[in-house]
Amino acid sequence: MNNYLFAFDSNYETQGTVAIYSLLENVSEKINIFVIRDSSNKSIRLHSKIQEHKNLNKITYKFFDTDAFFHNIELAHVSKATFYRLFITDIFNDADLELIYLDADIVCTNDPTFLVNKTFEEMKNKNLTFGFLDELYRNQYDEPFKRLGMKNDKYFNAGVMFLNVFEWNKKKLTVKSLEKIAELKDKAKFWDQDILNSLVDGDYLSIDSKLNSKTSETISQKNVKNEIFIHYSGKSKPWSVGGILEEYSYVYHNYYKQLYKRDFHIVTTNRKNALLKLFKLLRLINSMKFFTKKVLVSYILNSTFSIIFKLKK
């Protein structure tokens, strides 16, 4: 039985809920879900459609006291939630588990079961603790490798992580992660992803791209019907004002609507940027033939409401 891990604070609670629901809707067997929470969402209870889902075996909430870990580390403007995945094995102690960690900005579109099992089998055969998607190779661009002091030639995206918890604990990688945070705090550009890459340094299984189809790289040449995890890895997200223009944003909003009976989930964190995006959308409205007028009016009204009240969730 596969075990999936999600970690998000209150700012990403809705997105995380949609991610979990999309996964349950597509798996072909019962799964276990683990959710790491902190003081910002300590009382979280996921939507009843998740708790009562036929494909859910068990959901377990793990509390993470960020202050206990970070009281000696200066993080400046960086959210502590950024580092959750570095500490997941401390939260699970000495559990002998295989975990699939998924970022909250991911939706599942097809059954992952076969490919997930195949990936863990390959990791076991090759005696590897991790599985990630290759994002960059040294011969393409060597700056991250030099900056992070890496010896190997591949750099991964950490949005989807296959992990053997027992091996992580055995190798004391959480302690080493803390040392890396202190060592690289002035060099890390992508924070936990850089920390993990420096720590793992190429010693991982390269997973199938279907398990981490990043929208920051065009996937239009692929058939979205064949992808498994769509990762909204670009700066513009489906829930951003104007995000409806992004490829595959409709996948996220479709799952959101199934859960919450509302057409769109729209978040405003910066009013000025949101207004600029809304004006851009209005200028393009006549050319947006793939949306009905009813849908566009609903989206514009929801966006305007979000901007006025500066919704953060």
Protein backbone atom coordinates (compact mmCIF):
# COMPACT_ATOMS: atom_id res chain seq x y z
CA MET A 1 0.00 0.00 0.00
CA ASN A 2 1.48 3.32 -1.08
CA ASN A 3 2.08 6.18 1.36
CA TYR A 4 1.77 9.80 0.22
CA LEU A 5 3.04 12.79 2.16
CA PHE A 6 1.90 16.41 1.92
CA ALA A 7 3.26 19.35 3.90
CA PHE A 8 1.73 22.80 3.75
CA ASP A 9 0.90 25.70 6.04
CA SER A 10 -2.40 27.60 6.21
CA ASN A 11 -1.54 29.69 3.14
CA TYR A 12 -1.63 26.59 0.93
CA GLU A 13 -4.36 24.63 2.71
CA THR A 14 -6.87 24.82 -0.15
CA GLN A 15 -4.27 23.93 -2.79
CA GLY A 16 -3.05 21.01 -0.67
CA THR A 17 -6.61 19.77 -0.22
CA VAL A 18 -7.19 19.87 -3.99
CA ALA A 19 -3.92 17.98 -4.55
CA ILE A 20 -4.94 15.22 -2.13
CA TYR A 21 -8.43 14.94 -3.61
CA SER A 22 -7.09 14.67 -7.18
CA LEU A 23 -4.77 11.86 -6.05
CA LEU A 24 -7.58 9.91 -4.39
CA GLU A 25 -9.74 10.30 -7.48
CA ASN A 26 -7.13 8.60 -9.66
CA VAL A 27 -5.43 5.84 -7.67
CA SER A 28 -6.54 2.28 -8.33
CA GLU A 29 -6.01 1.02 -4.79
CA LYS A 30 -6.36 2.30 -1.26
CA ILE A 31 -3.56 4.55 -0.05
CA ASN A 32 -2.34 6.15 3.16
CA ILE A 33 -2.13 9.94 3.36
CA PHE A 34 0.16 11.81 5.77
CA VAL A 35 -0.21 15.56 6.27
CA ILE A 36 2.40 17.61 8.11
CA ARG A 37 0.93 20.64 9.85
CA ASP A 38 2.33 23.40 12.03
CA SER A 39 0.89 26.01 14.38
CA SER A 40 -0.68 27.90 11.45
CA ASN A 41 -2.98 25.00 10.56
CA LYS A 42 -2.88 22.85 13.68
CA SER A 43 -6.65 22.33 13.66
CA ILE A 44 -6.92 21.40 9.99
CA ARG A 45 -9.53 18.81 9.06
CA LEU A 46 -9.63 17.98 5.40
CA HIS A 47 -12.82 18.06 3.35
CA SER A 48 -15.34 15.26 4.03
CA LYS A 49 -14.97 14.06 0.42
CA ILE A 50 -11.38 13.21 1.31
CA GLN A 51 -12.03 11.70 4.73
CA GLU A 52 -14.78 9.49 3.33
CA HIS A 53 -13.14 8.67 -0.01
CA LYS A 54 -13.29 5.04 -1.11
CA ASN A 55 -9.59 5.05 -1.99
CA LEU A 56 -8.39 6.36 1.37
CA ASN A 57 -7.13 3.71 3.77
CA LYS A 58 -6.02 6.11 6.51
CA ILE A 59 -5.15 9.75 6.93
CA THR A 60 -2.60 10.71 9.58
CA TYR A 61 -1.75 14.22 10.71
CA LYS A 62 1.78 14.92 11.91
CA PHE A 63 2.49 18.09 13.89
CA PHE A 64 5.77 19.86 13.20
CA ASP A 65 7.00 22.39 15.77
CA THR A 66 8.99 24.71 13.51
CA ASP A 67 10.26 26.85 16.39
CA ALA A 68 11.93 23.82 17.97
CA PHE A 69 13.99 23.30 14.83
CA PHE A 70 14.69 26.84 13.72
CA HIS A 71 15.31 28.80 16.92
CA ASN A 72 19.06 28.96 16.18
CA ILE A 73 18.78 29.59 12.44
CA GLU A 74 18.21 32.93 10.76
CA LEU A 75 15.85 32.49 7.82
CA ALA A 76 15.29 36.17 7.00
CA HIS A 77 12.22 36.45 4.77
CA VAL A 78 12.07 32.71 3.99
CA SER A 79 9.03 30.79 5.20
CA LYS A 80 9.76 27.93 7.55
CA ALA A 81 7.29 25.85 5.55
CA THR A 82 9.86 25.89 2.75
CA PHE A 83 11.98 23.47 4.77
CA TYR A 84 9.33 20.94 5.85
CA ARG A 85 10.55 18.13 3.64
CA LEU A 86 14.04 18.30 5.15
CA PHE A 87 12.62 17.13 8.49
CA ILE A 88 10.04 14.53 7.50
CA THR A 89 12.06 11.62 8.83
CA ASP A 90 12.41 13.23 12.25
CA ILE A 91 8.64 13.43 12.28
CA PHE A 92 8.37 9.75 11.35
CA ASN A 93 11.18 8.73 13.70
CA ASP A 94 12.45 5.23 12.88
CA ALA A 95 9.51 4.20 10.73
CA ASP A 96 10.31 1.73 7.96
CA LEU A 97 8.33 3.52 5.26
CA GLU A 98 8.48 4.29 1.59
CA LEU A 99 6.98 7.73 1.02
CA ILE A 100 6.00 9.76 -2.02
CA TYR A 101 6.16 13.45 -1.15
CA LEU A 102 4.08 15.78 -3.34
CA ASP A 103 4.15 19.58 -3.34
CA ALA A 104 0.81 21.29 -2.77
CA ASP A 105 0.94 22.84 -6.26
CA ILE A 106 0.50 19.45 -7.93
CA VAL A 107 -2.60 17.72 -9.26
CA CYS A 108 -2.94 14.09 -10.23
CA THR A 109 -4.53 13.28 -13.60
CA ASN A 110 -3.98 9.52 -13.97
CA ASP A 111 -3.41 6.45 -11.85
CA PRO A 112 0.18 6.56 -10.50
CA THR A 113 0.13 3.12 -8.83
CA PHE A 114 2.03 1.04 -11.40
CA LEU A 115 4.74 3.64 -12.05
CA VAL A 116 5.13 4.42 -8.33
CA ASN A 117 5.62 0.74 -7.49
CA LYS A 118 8.06 0.36 -10.38
CA THR A 119 10.05 3.38 -9.17
CA PHE A 120 10.40 2.06 -5.63
CA GLU A 121 11.44 -1.34 -7.00
CA GLU A 122 14.19 0.30 -9.08
CA MET A 123 15.37 2.31 -6.06
CA LYS A 124 15.55 -0.90 -4.01
CA ASN A 125 17.46 -2.78 -6.71
CA LYS A 126 19.98 0.05 -7.05
CA ASN A 127 20.20 0.62 -3.27
CA LEU A 128 19.10 4.26 -3.57
CA THR A 129 17.35 6.33 -0.90
CA PHE A 130 15.75 8.88 -3.23
CA GLY A 131 13.97 9.30 -6.54
CA PHE A 132 13.60 12.69 -8.25
CA LEU A 133 13.01 14.19 -11.68
CA ASP A 134 16.15 15.47 -13.39
CA GLU A 135 15.82 19.21 -13.98
CA LEU A 136 19.27 20.24 -15.15
CA TYR A 137 22.61 18.78 -16.21
CA ARG A 138 26.03 20.29 -15.70
CA ASN A 139 26.77 20.38 -19.44
CA GLN A 140 23.67 22.59 -19.92
CA TYR A 141 24.39 25.12 -17.17
CA ASP A 142 26.99 24.60 -14.49
CA GLU A 143 26.27 27.58 -12.18
CA PRO A 144 24.16 25.65 -9.59
CA PHE A 145 26.73 22.87 -9.42
CA LYS A 146 29.57 25.30 -8.70
CA ARG A 147 27.49 27.40 -6.30
CA LEU A 148 26.43 24.34 -4.28
CA GLY A 149 29.80 22.58 -4.43
CA MET A 150 28.32 19.52 -6.16
CA LYS A 151 30.53 16.81 -7.62
CA ASN A 152 27.95 15.01 -9.75
CA ASP A 153 26.38 16.21 -12.99
CA LYS A 154 22.60 16.23 -12.45
CA TYR A 155 20.30 18.55 -10.48
CA PHE A 156 16.73 17.54 -9.58
CA ASN A 157 13.37 19.20 -9.04
CA ALA A 158 12.15 18.47 -5.49
CA GLY A 159 8.39 18.88 -6.09
CA VAL A 160 7.96 15.11 -6.24
CA MET A 161 10.21 13.04 -4.00
CA PHE A 162 10.40 9.28 -3.57
CA LEU A 163 11.97 8.48 -0.23
CA ASN A 164 12.98 5.53 1.89
CA VAL A 165 12.49 6.89 5.43
CA PHE A 166 14.51 4.19 7.17
CA GLU A 167 17.56 4.84 4.98
CA TRP A 168 17.28 8.61 5.52
CA ASN A 169 17.37 8.09 9.30
CA LYS A 170 20.14 5.52 9.05
CA LYS A 171 22.30 8.04 7.18
CA LYS A 172 21.40 10.83 9.65
CA LEU A 173 20.44 13.10 6.76
CA THR A 174 18.30 15.48 8.83
CA VAL A 175 21.33 16.48 10.90
CA LYS A 176 23.31 16.92 7.70
CA SER A 177 20.43 19.00 6.28
CA LEU A 178 20.67 21.42 9.20
CA GLU A 179 24.38 21.74 8.60
CA LYS A 180 23.72 22.44 4.93
CA ILE A 181 21.17 25.17 5.77
CA ALA A 182 23.81 26.99 7.82
CA GLU A 183 26.50 26.36 5.22
CA LEU A 184 24.47 27.43 2.18
CA LYS A 185 22.19 30.13 3.59
CA ASP A 186 23.94 32.78 1.46
CA LYS A 187 24.25 30.54 -1.61
CA ALA A 188 20.89 28.77 -1.84
CA LYS A 189 18.56 30.34 -4.41
CA PHE A 190 15.89 27.66 -4.34
CA TRP A 191 16.29 26.90 -0.64
CA ASP A 192 15.18 23.38 0.27
CA GLN A 193 15.68 22.20 -3.32
CA ASP A 194 19.24 23.53 -3.33
CA ILE A 195 19.87 22.10 0.14
CA LEU A 196 18.65 18.67 -0.94
CA ASN A 197 20.64 18.74 -4.17
CA SER A 198 23.80 19.64 -2.29
CA LEU A 199 23.10 16.87 0.22
CA VAL A 200 22.13 14.12 -2.26
CA ASP A 201 24.61 15.27 -4.94
CA GLY A 202 23.31 13.11 -7.80
CA ASP A 203 22.92 9.91 -5.76
CA TYR A 204 19.28 9.29 -6.67
CA LEU A 205 17.08 7.48 -9.17
CA SER A 206 15.96 9.66 -12.09
CA ILE A 207 12.18 9.19 -12.25
CA ASP A 208 9.85 9.20 -15.25
CA SER A 209 8.82 12.72 -16.32
CA LYS A 210 5.14 11.68 -16.12
CA LEU A 211 5.58 11.74 -12.34
CA ASN A 212 6.53 15.43 -12.35
CA SER A 213 5.23 17.19 -15.48
CA LYS A 214 6.30 20.76 -14.85
CA THR A 215 4.25 23.55 -16.40
CA SER A 216 7.27 25.86 -16.28
CA GLU A 217 8.53 23.74 -19.15
CA THR A 218 6.05 23.35 -21.96
CA ILE A 219 4.21 20.06 -21.85
CA SER A 220 1.96 20.99 -24.75
CA GLN A 221 3.93 18.63 -26.99
CA LYS A 222 2.94 15.81 -24.69
CA ASN A 223 -0.58 14.54 -24.31
CA VAL A 224 -1.83 15.75 -20.94
CA LYS A 225 -4.06 12.67 -20.84
CA ASN A 226 -0.92 10.56 -20.41
CA GLU A 227 0.65 12.62 -17.60
CA ILE A 228 0.29 11.57 -13.95
CA PHE A 229 1.35 14.50 -11.75
CA ILE A 230 1.02 17.98 -13.24
CA HIS A 231 3.28 20.33 -11.30
CA TYR A 232 2.39 24.03 -11.53
CA SER A 233 6.02 25.00 -11.15
CA GLY A 234 6.00 28.40 -12.85
CA LYS A 235 5.53 31.77 -11.18
CA SER A 236 1.92 32.05 -12.33
CA LYS A 237 -0.36 29.52 -10.66
CA PRO A 238 -3.92 28.45 -11.61
CA TRP A 239 -5.25 30.23 -8.51
CA SER A 240 -3.47 33.52 -9.33
CA VAL A 241 -5.47 36.34 -10.90
CA GLY A 242 -5.02 35.76 -14.64
CA GLY A 243 -3.99 32.16 -14.00
CA ILE A 244 -6.83 30.98 -16.20
CA LEU A 245 -4.59 31.83 -19.17
CA GLU A 246 -2.01 29.29 -18.06
CA GLU A 247 -1.92 25.90 -19.73
CA TYR A 248 -3.73 23.19 -17.76
CA SER A 249 -5.13 25.61 -15.15
CA TYR A 250 -8.53 24.12 -15.94
CA VAL A 251 -7.40 20.79 -14.41
CA TYR A 252 -6.89 22.43 -11.02
CA HIS A 253 -10.14 24.40 -11.15
CA ASN A 254 -12.12 21.30 -12.16
CA TYR A 255 -10.99 19.45 -9.03
CA TYR A 256 -11.57 22.56 -6.93
CA LYS A 257 -15.14 22.81 -8.22
CA GLN A 258 -15.83 19.16 -7.41
CA LEU A 259 -14.78 19.79 -3.81
CA TYR A 260 -16.15 23.24 -3.08
CA LYS A 261 -19.01 23.69 -5.60
CA ARG A 262 -17.49 26.98 -6.78
CA ASP A 263 -16.15 27.66 -10.25
CA PHE A 264 -12.77 29.15 -9.39
CA HIS A 265 -10.23 29.40 -6.61
CA ILE A 266 -8.51 32.78 -6.91
CA VAL A 267 -5.94 34.16 -4.51
CA THR A 268 -4.59 37.71 -4.29
CA THR A 269 -1.37 38.32 -2.38
CA ASN A 270 -0.32 41.51 -4.18
CA ARG A 271 -3.11 43.85 -5.31
CA LYS A 272 -0.99 45.81 -7.77
CA ASN A 273 0.22 42.73 -9.63
CA ALA A 274 -3.26 41.20 -9.54
CA LEU A 275 -4.79 44.35 -11.07
CA LEU A 276 -2.22 44.35 -13.87
CA LYS A 277 -3.03 40.73 -14.65
CA LEU A 278 -6.76 41.44 -14.58
CA PHE A 279 -6.36 44.34 -17.03
CA LYS A 280 -4.34 42.06 -19.30
CA LEU A 281 -7.11 39.50 -19.15
CA LEU A 282 -9.73 42.11 -20.04
CA ARG A 283 -7.70 43.18 -23.09
CA LEU A 284 -7.57 39.59 -24.31
CA ILE A 285 -11.18 38.74 -23.57
CA ASN A 286 -12.40 38.97 -27.16
CA SER A 287 -9.77 36.51 -28.35
CA MET A 288 -10.53 33.91 -25.66
CA LYS A 289 -12.81 31.75 -27.78
CA PHE A 290 -12.25 28.62 -25.71
CA PHE A 291 -14.20 30.06 -22.76
CA THR A 292 -17.91 30.81 -22.75
CA LYS A 293 -19.02 34.32 -21.80
CA LYS A 294 -20.63 32.92 -18.66
CA VAL A 295 -17.33 31.39 -17.55
CA LEU A 296 -15.37 34.57 -18.30
CA VAL A 297 -17.84 36.78 -16.43
CA SER A 298 -17.71 34.44 -13.45
CA TYR A 299 -13.90 34.45 -13.51
CA ILE A 300 -13.65 38.24 -13.74
CA LEU A 301 -16.14 38.71 -10.89
CA ASN A 302 -14.28 36.22 -8.72
CA SER A 303 -10.96 37.91 -9.53
CA THR A 304 -12.34 41.35 -8.71
CA PHE A 305 -13.75 40.09 -5.42
CA SER A 306 -10.40 38.51 -4.57
CA ILE A 307 -8.52 41.75 -5.30
CA ILE A 308 -10.92 43.91 -3.27
CA PHE A 309 -10.70 41.70 -0.22
CA LYS A 310 -7.10 40.56 -0.90
CA LEU A 311 -7.85 36.92 -0.21
CA LYS A 312 -4.86 34.95 1.00
CA LYS A 313 -6.13 31.36 1.08
